[in-house]
Amino acid sequence: MKMAVIPARGGSKRIPRKNIREFCGKPIIGWSIEAALASGCFDRVIVSTDDDEIAAVARQYGAEVPFMRPAELADDHAPTGKVVEHAVRWANGNGVKVEFACCIYATAPFVSAELIRRGFGHLAGTAADFAVSVTSFPFPIQRACAIREGKLVLMDEKNYLTRSQDLEEAFHDVGQIYWGRADAWLENRPIFGDATAPVVIPRHQAQDIDTMEDWTRAELLFDMIRRKA
């Protein structure tokens, strides 16, 4: 069985009620649920939450909420991997053998059914444990600067005279999809490493949402992409 797990705890602090706050016309979690359902990849789409209101919204958009997440996995320090592991163990313990599980963040409105399908192809067609969505940095991170005692300094001075086009391209996690084999989740294998396949997306389809400034920018970008489409 293939299962989507959408973590959505109720205690977000920087943006209160973040997981069900309206984003371009619907609760933001609704976009993730609808993409998961539209992908056709999953036998079950589950939202893992500790919050009754989030659970109600999740069901409204077509997800299952077959359990409430335990408190020890619902604080600021609970790793996402542990939340997915808990969901996989719950499914296995209730007579449903999970082969693949995909973690999809509740605050990832740019996630698409096509990306979910492509991510599964990157995992199922290889020996990888995980397949994770990433995008490239817009500028070489090897030329990053720091401000120390009011002065601008290169963080790695050996790259001072290196042309930017000669530096290795770097990528970062975009917080959208994390496909994994069930045993990899259950054994807490590292999500980032030589057993992880990258699923590269364009930079304009990635936006981390941690602050209200992020939220506003994401809505503007999301609306522009929809109008262009």
C-alpha atoms as a PDB file:
ATOM      1  CA  MET A   1       0.000   0.000   0.000  1.00  0.00           C
ATOM      2  CA  LYS A   2       1.057   3.582  -0.691  1.00  0.00           C
ATOM      3  CA  MET A   3       0.064   6.150   1.923  1.00  0.00           C
ATOM      4  CA  ALA A   4       0.299   9.939   2.081  1.00  0.00           C
ATOM      5  CA  VAL A   5       0.953  11.407   5.518  1.00  0.00           C
ATOM      6  CA  ILE A   6       0.250  15.119   5.966  1.00  0.00           C
ATOM      7  CA  PRO A   7       1.538  16.366   9.348  1.00  0.00           C
ATOM      8  CA  ALA A   8      -0.548  19.261  10.719  1.00  0.00           C
ATOM      9  CA  ARG A   9      -0.238  19.992  14.406  1.00  0.00           C
ATOM     10  CA  GLY A  10      -2.328  22.691  16.045  1.00  0.00           C
ATOM     11  CA  GLY A  11       0.325  24.617  17.963  1.00  0.00           C
ATOM     12  CA  SER A  12       2.053  26.735  15.309  1.00  0.00           C
ATOM     13  CA  LYS A  13       3.392  29.918  16.918  1.00  0.00           C
ATOM     14  CA  ARG A  14       4.912  32.217  14.290  1.00  0.00           C
ATOM     15  CA  ILE A  15       1.715  32.057  12.195  1.00  0.00           C
ATOM     16  CA  PRO A  16      -1.179  31.070  14.510  1.00  0.00           C
ATOM     17  CA  ARG A  17      -3.450  28.343  13.097  1.00  0.00           C
ATOM     18  CA  LYS A  18      -1.079  28.192  10.150  1.00  0.00           C
ATOM     19  CA  ASN A  19      -2.182  24.810   8.831  1.00  0.00           C
ATOM     20  CA  ILE A  20      -5.791  25.890   8.258  1.00  0.00           C
ATOM     21  CA  ARG A  21      -5.298  29.603   7.603  1.00  0.00           C
ATOM     22  CA  GLU A  22      -6.916  30.677   4.329  1.00  0.00           C
ATOM     23  CA  PHE A  23      -4.493  30.732   1.413  1.00  0.00           C
ATOM     24  CA  CYS A  24      -5.790  31.948  -1.954  1.00  0.00           C
ATOM     25  CA  GLY A  25      -9.356  30.925  -1.262  1.00  0.00           C
ATOM     26  CA  LYS A  26      -9.116  27.791   0.883  1.00  0.00           C
ATOM     27  CA  PRO A  27      -7.419  26.511   4.037  1.00  0.00           C
ATOM     28  CA  ILE A  28      -3.808  25.984   3.093  1.00  0.00           C
ATOM     29  CA  ILE A  29      -3.903  22.296   4.031  1.00  0.00           C
ATOM     30  CA  GLY A  30      -6.636  21.858   1.409  1.00  0.00           C
ATOM     31  CA  TRP A  31      -4.136  22.424  -1.410  1.00  0.00           C
ATOM     32  CA  SER A  32      -1.887  19.599  -0.150  1.00  0.00           C
ATOM     33  CA  ILE A  33      -4.801  17.209   0.341  1.00  0.00           C
ATOM     34  CA  GLU A  34      -6.227  17.902  -3.100  1.00  0.00           C
ATOM     35  CA  ALA A  35      -2.829  17.418  -4.782  1.00  0.00           C
ATOM     36  CA  ALA A  36      -2.356  14.097  -2.977  1.00  0.00           C
ATOM     37  CA  LEU A  37      -5.800  12.865  -4.029  1.00  0.00           C
ATOM     38  CA  ALA A  38      -5.392  14.095  -7.616  1.00  0.00           C
ATOM     39  CA  SER A  39      -2.035  12.333  -8.000  1.00  0.00           C
ATOM     40  CA  GLY A  40      -3.696   8.910  -7.988  1.00  0.00           C
ATOM     41  CA  CYS A  41      -0.655   7.555  -6.164  1.00  0.00           C
ATOM     42  CA  PHE A  42      -2.201   6.733  -2.814  1.00  0.00           C
ATOM     43  CA  ASP A  43      -4.442   4.104  -1.336  1.00  0.00           C
ATOM     44  CA  ARG A  44      -4.928   6.351   1.686  1.00  0.00           C
ATOM     45  CA  VAL A  45      -4.357  10.052   2.344  1.00  0.00           C
ATOM     46  CA  ILE A  46      -3.988  10.594   6.093  1.00  0.00           C
ATOM     47  CA  VAL A  47      -3.629  13.788   8.080  1.00  0.00           C
ATOM     48  CA  SER A  48      -1.728  13.395  11.347  1.00  0.00           C
ATOM     49  CA  THR A  49      -2.933  16.046  13.789  1.00  0.00           C
ATOM     50  CA  ASP A  50      -3.580  16.660  17.467  1.00  0.00           C
ATOM     51  CA  ASP A  51      -6.223  19.306  16.756  1.00  0.00           C
ATOM     52  CA  ASP A  52      -9.981  18.735  16.337  1.00  0.00           C
ATOM     53  CA  GLU A  53     -10.504  21.767  14.090  1.00  0.00           C
ATOM     54  CA  ILE A  54      -7.679  20.747  11.754  1.00  0.00           C
ATOM     55  CA  ALA A  55      -9.111  17.230  11.680  1.00  0.00           C
ATOM     56  CA  ALA A  56     -12.519  18.564  10.646  1.00  0.00           C
ATOM     57  CA  VAL A  57     -11.043  20.688   7.846  1.00  0.00           C
ATOM     58  CA  ALA A  58      -8.926  17.757   6.641  1.00  0.00           C
ATOM     59  CA  ARG A  59     -11.987  15.525   6.379  1.00  0.00           C
ATOM     60  CA  GLN A  60     -13.868  18.290   4.560  1.00  0.00           C
ATOM     61  CA  TYR A  61     -11.216  18.203   1.822  1.00  0.00           C
ATOM     62  CA  GLY A  62     -11.222  14.429   1.515  1.00  0.00           C
ATOM     63  CA  ALA A  63      -8.443  13.209   3.802  1.00  0.00           C
ATOM     64  CA  GLU A  64      -8.738  10.612   6.535  1.00  0.00           C
ATOM     65  CA  VAL A  65      -7.979  11.358  10.176  1.00  0.00           C
ATOM     66  CA  PRO A  66      -8.129   7.849  11.647  1.00  0.00           C
ATOM     67  CA  PHE A  67      -6.213   8.733  14.829  1.00  0.00           C
ATOM     68  CA  MET A  68      -5.213  11.790  16.847  1.00  0.00           C
ATOM     69  CA  ARG A  69      -1.493  12.350  17.113  1.00  0.00           C
ATOM     70  CA  PRO A  70      -0.087  11.755  20.616  1.00  0.00           C
ATOM     71  CA  ALA A  71       1.081  14.817  22.557  1.00  0.00           C
ATOM     72  CA  GLU A  72       4.729  13.751  22.591  1.00  0.00           C
ATOM     73  CA  LEU A  73       4.753  14.033  18.787  1.00  0.00           C
ATOM     74  CA  ALA A  74       2.920  17.369  18.668  1.00  0.00           C
ATOM     75  CA  ASP A  75       5.341  19.851  20.222  1.00  0.00           C
ATOM     76  CA  ASP A  76       7.880  22.187  18.606  1.00  0.00           C
ATOM     77  CA  HIS A  77      10.648  19.611  18.782  1.00  0.00           C
ATOM     78  CA  ALA A  78       8.949  16.512  17.350  1.00  0.00           C
ATOM     79  CA  PRO A  79      10.826  15.417  14.185  1.00  0.00           C
ATOM     80  CA  THR A  80       8.709  14.973  11.076  1.00  0.00           C
ATOM     81  CA  GLY A  81      10.252  11.560  10.524  1.00  0.00           C
ATOM     82  CA  LYS A  82       8.872  10.370  13.845  1.00  0.00           C
ATOM     83  CA  VAL A  83       5.398  11.605  12.871  1.00  0.00           C
ATOM     84  CA  VAL A  84       5.519   9.596   9.633  1.00  0.00           C
ATOM     85  CA  GLU A  85       6.917   6.584  11.478  1.00  0.00           C
ATOM     86  CA  HIS A  86       3.992   6.770  13.916  1.00  0.00           C
ATOM     87  CA  ALA A  87       1.482   6.828  11.025  1.00  0.00           C
ATOM     88  CA  VAL A  88       3.146   3.870   9.311  1.00  0.00           C
ATOM     89  CA  ARG A  89       3.190   1.863  12.544  1.00  0.00           C
ATOM     90  CA  TRP A  90      -0.478   2.714  13.111  1.00  0.00           C
ATOM     91  CA  ALA A  91      -1.403   1.476   9.622  1.00  0.00           C
ATOM     92  CA  ASN A  92       0.669  -1.701   9.942  1.00  0.00           C
ATOM     93  CA  GLY A  93      -0.866  -2.344  13.361  1.00  0.00           C
ATOM     94  CA  ASN A  94      -4.350  -2.043  11.897  1.00  0.00           C
ATOM     95  CA  GLY A  95      -3.934  -4.669   9.221  1.00  0.00           C
ATOM     96  CA  VAL A  96      -2.746  -2.399   6.399  1.00  0.00           C
ATOM     97  CA  LYS A  97       0.780  -3.174   5.195  1.00  0.00           C
ATOM     98  CA  VAL A  98       2.496   0.023   4.063  1.00  0.00           C
ATOM     99  CA  GLU A  99       5.133  -0.316   1.354  1.00  0.00           C
ATOM    100  CA  PHE A 100       5.692   3.371   0.544  1.00  0.00           C
ATOM    101  CA  ALA A 101       4.788   6.496   2.510  1.00  0.00           C
ATOM    102  CA  CYS A 102       5.010  10.079   1.298  1.00  0.00           C
ATOM    103  CA  CYS A 103       5.169  12.961   3.744  1.00  0.00           C
ATOM    104  CA  ILE A 104       3.523  16.056   2.244  1.00  0.00           C
ATOM    105  CA  TYR A 105       3.659  19.256   4.241  1.00  0.00           C
ATOM    106  CA  ALA A 106       0.342  20.927   5.059  1.00  0.00           C
ATOM    107  CA  THR A 107       1.777  24.336   4.181  1.00  0.00           C
ATOM    108  CA  ALA A 108       2.973  23.430   0.685  1.00  0.00           C
ATOM    109  CA  PRO A 109       0.402  24.961  -1.691  1.00  0.00           C
ATOM    110  CA  PHE A 110       2.849  24.766  -4.604  1.00  0.00           C
ATOM    111  CA  VAL A 111       2.933  20.960  -4.424  1.00  0.00           C
ATOM    112  CA  SER A 112       1.281  19.359  -7.445  1.00  0.00           C
ATOM    113  CA  ALA A 113      -0.111  15.976  -8.416  1.00  0.00           C
ATOM    114  CA  GLU A 114       2.520  15.808 -11.161  1.00  0.00           C
ATOM    115  CA  LEU A 115       5.351  16.389  -8.674  1.00  0.00           C
ATOM    116  CA  ILE A 116       4.007  13.661  -6.389  1.00  0.00           C
ATOM    117  CA  ARG A 117       3.851  11.212  -9.290  1.00  0.00           C
ATOM    118  CA  ARG A 118       7.329  12.197 -10.466  1.00  0.00           C
ATOM    119  CA  GLY A 119       8.686  11.776  -6.960  1.00  0.00           C
ATOM    120  CA  PHE A 120       7.332   8.250  -6.731  1.00  0.00           C
ATOM    121  CA  GLY A 121       8.978   7.418 -10.046  1.00  0.00           C
ATOM    122  CA  HIS A 122      12.310   8.619  -8.689  1.00  0.00           C
ATOM    123  CA  LEU A 123      11.921   6.293  -5.703  1.00  0.00           C
ATOM    124  CA  ALA A 124      10.269   3.180  -7.124  1.00  0.00           C
ATOM    125  CA  GLY A 125      12.568   3.024 -10.128  1.00  0.00           C
ATOM    126  CA  THR A 126      15.751   3.049  -8.056  1.00  0.00           C
ATOM    127  CA  ALA A 127      17.312   1.456  -4.992  1.00  0.00           C
ATOM    128  CA  ALA A 128      16.902   4.720  -3.049  1.00  0.00           C
ATOM    129  CA  ASP A 129      15.337   4.884   0.417  1.00  0.00           C
ATOM    130  CA  PHE A 130      13.859   8.347  -0.132  1.00  0.00           C
ATOM    131  CA  ALA A 131      13.019  10.826  -2.880  1.00  0.00           C
ATOM    132  CA  VAL A 132      12.893  14.478  -1.815  1.00  0.00           C
ATOM    133  CA  SER A 133      11.895  17.648  -3.678  1.00  0.00           C
ATOM    134  CA  VAL A 134      14.709  20.192  -3.967  1.00  0.00           C
ATOM    135  CA  THR A 135      15.539  23.328  -5.897  1.00  0.00           C
ATOM    136  CA  SER A 136      18.737  25.207  -6.655  1.00  0.00           C
ATOM    137  CA  PHE A 137      20.042  28.217  -4.781  1.00  0.00           C
ATOM    138  CA  PRO A 138      19.821  31.384  -6.922  1.00  0.00           C
ATOM    139  CA  PHE A 139      23.442  32.312  -6.144  1.00  0.00           C
ATOM    140  CA  PRO A 140      26.494  30.168  -5.341  1.00  0.00           C
ATOM    141  CA  ILE A 141      26.492  29.452  -1.616  1.00  0.00           C
ATOM    142  CA  GLN A 142      30.304  29.212  -1.748  1.00  0.00           C
ATOM    143  CA  ARG A 143      30.322  33.008  -2.151  1.00  0.00           C
ATOM    144  CA  ALA A 144      28.144  33.624   0.909  1.00  0.00           C
ATOM    145  CA  CYS A 145      29.121  36.482   3.196  1.00  0.00           C
ATOM    146  CA  ALA A 146      28.792  37.123   6.915  1.00  0.00           C
ATOM    147  CA  ILE A 147      28.704  40.382   8.856  1.00  0.00           C
ATOM    148  CA  ARG A 148      31.195  40.227  11.704  1.00  0.00           C
ATOM    149  CA  GLU A 149      31.808  43.188  13.960  1.00  0.00           C
ATOM    150  CA  GLY A 150      30.100  45.409  11.409  1.00  0.00           C
ATOM    151  CA  LYS A 151      32.270  44.243   8.522  1.00  0.00           C
ATOM    152  CA  LEU A 152      31.436  42.129   5.476  1.00  0.00           C
ATOM    153  CA  VAL A 153      33.548  38.986   5.133  1.00  0.00           C
ATOM    154  CA  LEU A 154      33.430  35.932   2.893  1.00  0.00           C
ATOM    155  CA  MET A 155      32.504  32.829   4.848  1.00  0.00           C
ATOM    156  CA  ASP A 156      34.954  30.836   2.720  1.00  0.00           C
ATOM    157  CA  GLU A 157      37.799  33.077   1.574  1.00  0.00           C
ATOM    158  CA  LYS A 158      39.338  30.500  -0.747  1.00  0.00           C
ATOM    159  CA  ASN A 159      36.524  31.221  -3.228  1.00  0.00           C
ATOM    160  CA  TYR A 160      37.304  34.955  -3.384  1.00  0.00           C
ATOM    161  CA  LEU A 161      38.740  34.812  -6.918  1.00  0.00           C
ATOM    162  CA  THR A 162      36.685  31.874  -8.198  1.00  0.00           C
ATOM    163  CA  ARG A 163      34.162  32.763 -10.887  1.00  0.00           C
ATOM    164  CA  SER A 164      30.590  31.970  -9.848  1.00  0.00           C
ATOM    165  CA  GLN A 165      30.062  29.830 -12.967  1.00  0.00           C
ATOM    166  CA  ASP A 166      32.980  27.633 -11.892  1.00  0.00           C
ATOM    167  CA  LEU A 167      31.448  26.760  -8.517  1.00  0.00           C
ATOM    168  CA  GLU A 168      29.379  23.638  -7.952  1.00  0.00           C
ATOM    169  CA  GLU A 169      25.627  24.216  -8.067  1.00  0.00           C
ATOM    170  CA  ALA A 170      23.959  23.763  -4.681  1.00  0.00           C
ATOM    171  CA  PHE A 171      20.405  22.686  -3.844  1.00  0.00           C
ATOM    172  CA  HIS A 172      18.103  22.871  -0.844  1.00  0.00           C
ATOM    173  CA  ASP A 173      15.045  21.051   0.423  1.00  0.00           C
ATOM    174  CA  VAL A 174      11.810  22.873  -0.506  1.00  0.00           C
ATOM    175  CA  GLY A 175       9.532  21.368   2.143  1.00  0.00           C
ATOM    176  CA  GLN A 176       7.016  19.753  -0.200  1.00  0.00           C
ATOM    177  CA  ILE A 177       7.307  15.979  -0.675  1.00  0.00           C
ATOM    178  CA  TYR A 178       9.329  13.256   1.032  1.00  0.00           C
ATOM    179  CA  TRP A 179       8.681   9.863  -0.505  1.00  0.00           C
ATOM    180  CA  GLY A 180      10.149   6.962   1.428  1.00  0.00           C
ATOM    181  CA  ARG A 181      10.071   3.213   1.691  1.00  0.00           C
ATOM    182  CA  ALA A 182       8.190   2.094   4.775  1.00  0.00           C
ATOM    183  CA  ASP A 183      11.185   0.304   6.259  1.00  0.00           C
ATOM    184  CA  ALA A 184      13.301   3.445   5.827  1.00  0.00           C
ATOM    185  CA  TRP A 185      10.780   5.477   7.844  1.00  0.00           C
ATOM    186  CA  LEU A 186      10.460   2.752  10.491  1.00  0.00           C
ATOM    187  CA  GLU A 187      14.230   2.429  10.894  1.00  0.00           C
ATOM    188  CA  ASN A 188      14.766   6.219  11.030  1.00  0.00           C
ATOM    189  CA  ARG A 189      17.250   6.180   8.181  1.00  0.00           C
ATOM    190  CA  PRO A 190      18.590   9.643   7.296  1.00  0.00           C
ATOM    191  CA  ILE A 191      16.402  11.454   4.774  1.00  0.00           C
ATOM    192  CA  PHE A 192      19.375  13.350   3.350  1.00  0.00           C
ATOM    193  CA  GLY A 193      22.242  11.196   2.194  1.00  0.00           C
ATOM    194  CA  ASP A 194      23.536   8.924  -0.520  1.00  0.00           C
ATOM    195  CA  ALA A 195      20.342   6.813  -0.396  1.00  0.00           C
ATOM    196  CA  THR A 196      18.098   9.757  -1.329  1.00  0.00           C
ATOM    197  CA  ALA A 197      17.056  10.616  -4.882  1.00  0.00           C
ATOM    198  CA  PRO A 198      16.602  14.341  -5.664  1.00  0.00           C
ATOM    199  CA  VAL A 199      13.412  15.521  -7.348  1.00  0.00           C
ATOM    200  CA  VAL A 200      14.402  18.904  -8.782  1.00  0.00           C
ATOM    201  CA  ILE A 201      11.781  21.622  -9.243  1.00  0.00           C
ATOM    202  CA  PRO A 202      12.084  25.204 -10.572  1.00  0.00           C
ATOM    203  CA  ARG A 203      12.795  27.896  -7.986  1.00  0.00           C
ATOM    204  CA  HIS A 204       9.540  29.725  -8.743  1.00  0.00           C
ATOM    205  CA  GLN A 205       7.591  26.659  -7.581  1.00  0.00           C
ATOM    206  CA  ALA A 206       9.208  26.683  -4.143  1.00  0.00           C
ATOM    207  CA  GLN A 207       8.369  28.882  -1.175  1.00  0.00           C
ATOM    208  CA  ASP A 208       9.026  28.115   2.470  1.00  0.00           C
ATOM    209  CA  ILE A 209       6.301  29.654   4.658  1.00  0.00           C
ATOM    210  CA  ASP A 210       7.501  30.426   8.180  1.00  0.00           C
ATOM    211  CA  THR A 211       6.598  34.096   8.631  1.00  0.00           C
ATOM    212  CA  MET A 212       3.794  36.418   7.528  1.00  0.00           C
ATOM    213  CA  GLU A 213       6.223  37.962   5.033  1.00  0.00           C
ATOM    214  CA  ASP A 214       6.730  34.489   3.542  1.00  0.00           C
ATOM    215  CA  TRP A 215       2.958  33.978   3.480  1.00  0.00           C
ATOM    216  CA  THR A 216       2.282  37.218   1.601  1.00  0.00           C
ATOM    217  CA  ARG A 217       5.002  36.522  -0.949  1.00  0.00           C
ATOM    218  CA  ALA A 218       3.746  32.971  -1.457  1.00  0.00           C
ATOM    219  CA  GLU A 219       0.180  34.147  -2.104  1.00  0.00           C
ATOM    220  CA  LEU A 220       1.351  36.714  -4.653  1.00  0.00           C
ATOM    221  CA  LEU A 221       3.505  34.150  -6.468  1.00  0.00           C
ATOM    222  CA  PHE A 222       0.833  31.454  -6.300  1.00  0.00           C
ATOM    223  CA  ASP A 223      -1.828  33.784  -7.703  1.00  0.00           C
ATOM    224  CA  MET A 224       0.477  34.905 -10.514  1.00  0.00           C
ATOM    225  CA  ILE A 225       1.216  31.301 -11.516  1.00  0.00           C
ATOM    226  CA  ARG A 226      -2.504  30.429 -11.501  1.00  0.00           C
ATOM    227  CA  ARG A 227      -3.412  33.433 -13.656  1.00  0.00           C
ATOM    228  CA  LYS A 228      -0.649  32.625 -16.128  1.00  0.00           C
ATOM    229  CA  ALA A 229      -1.815  29.003 -16.325  1.00  0.00           C
END
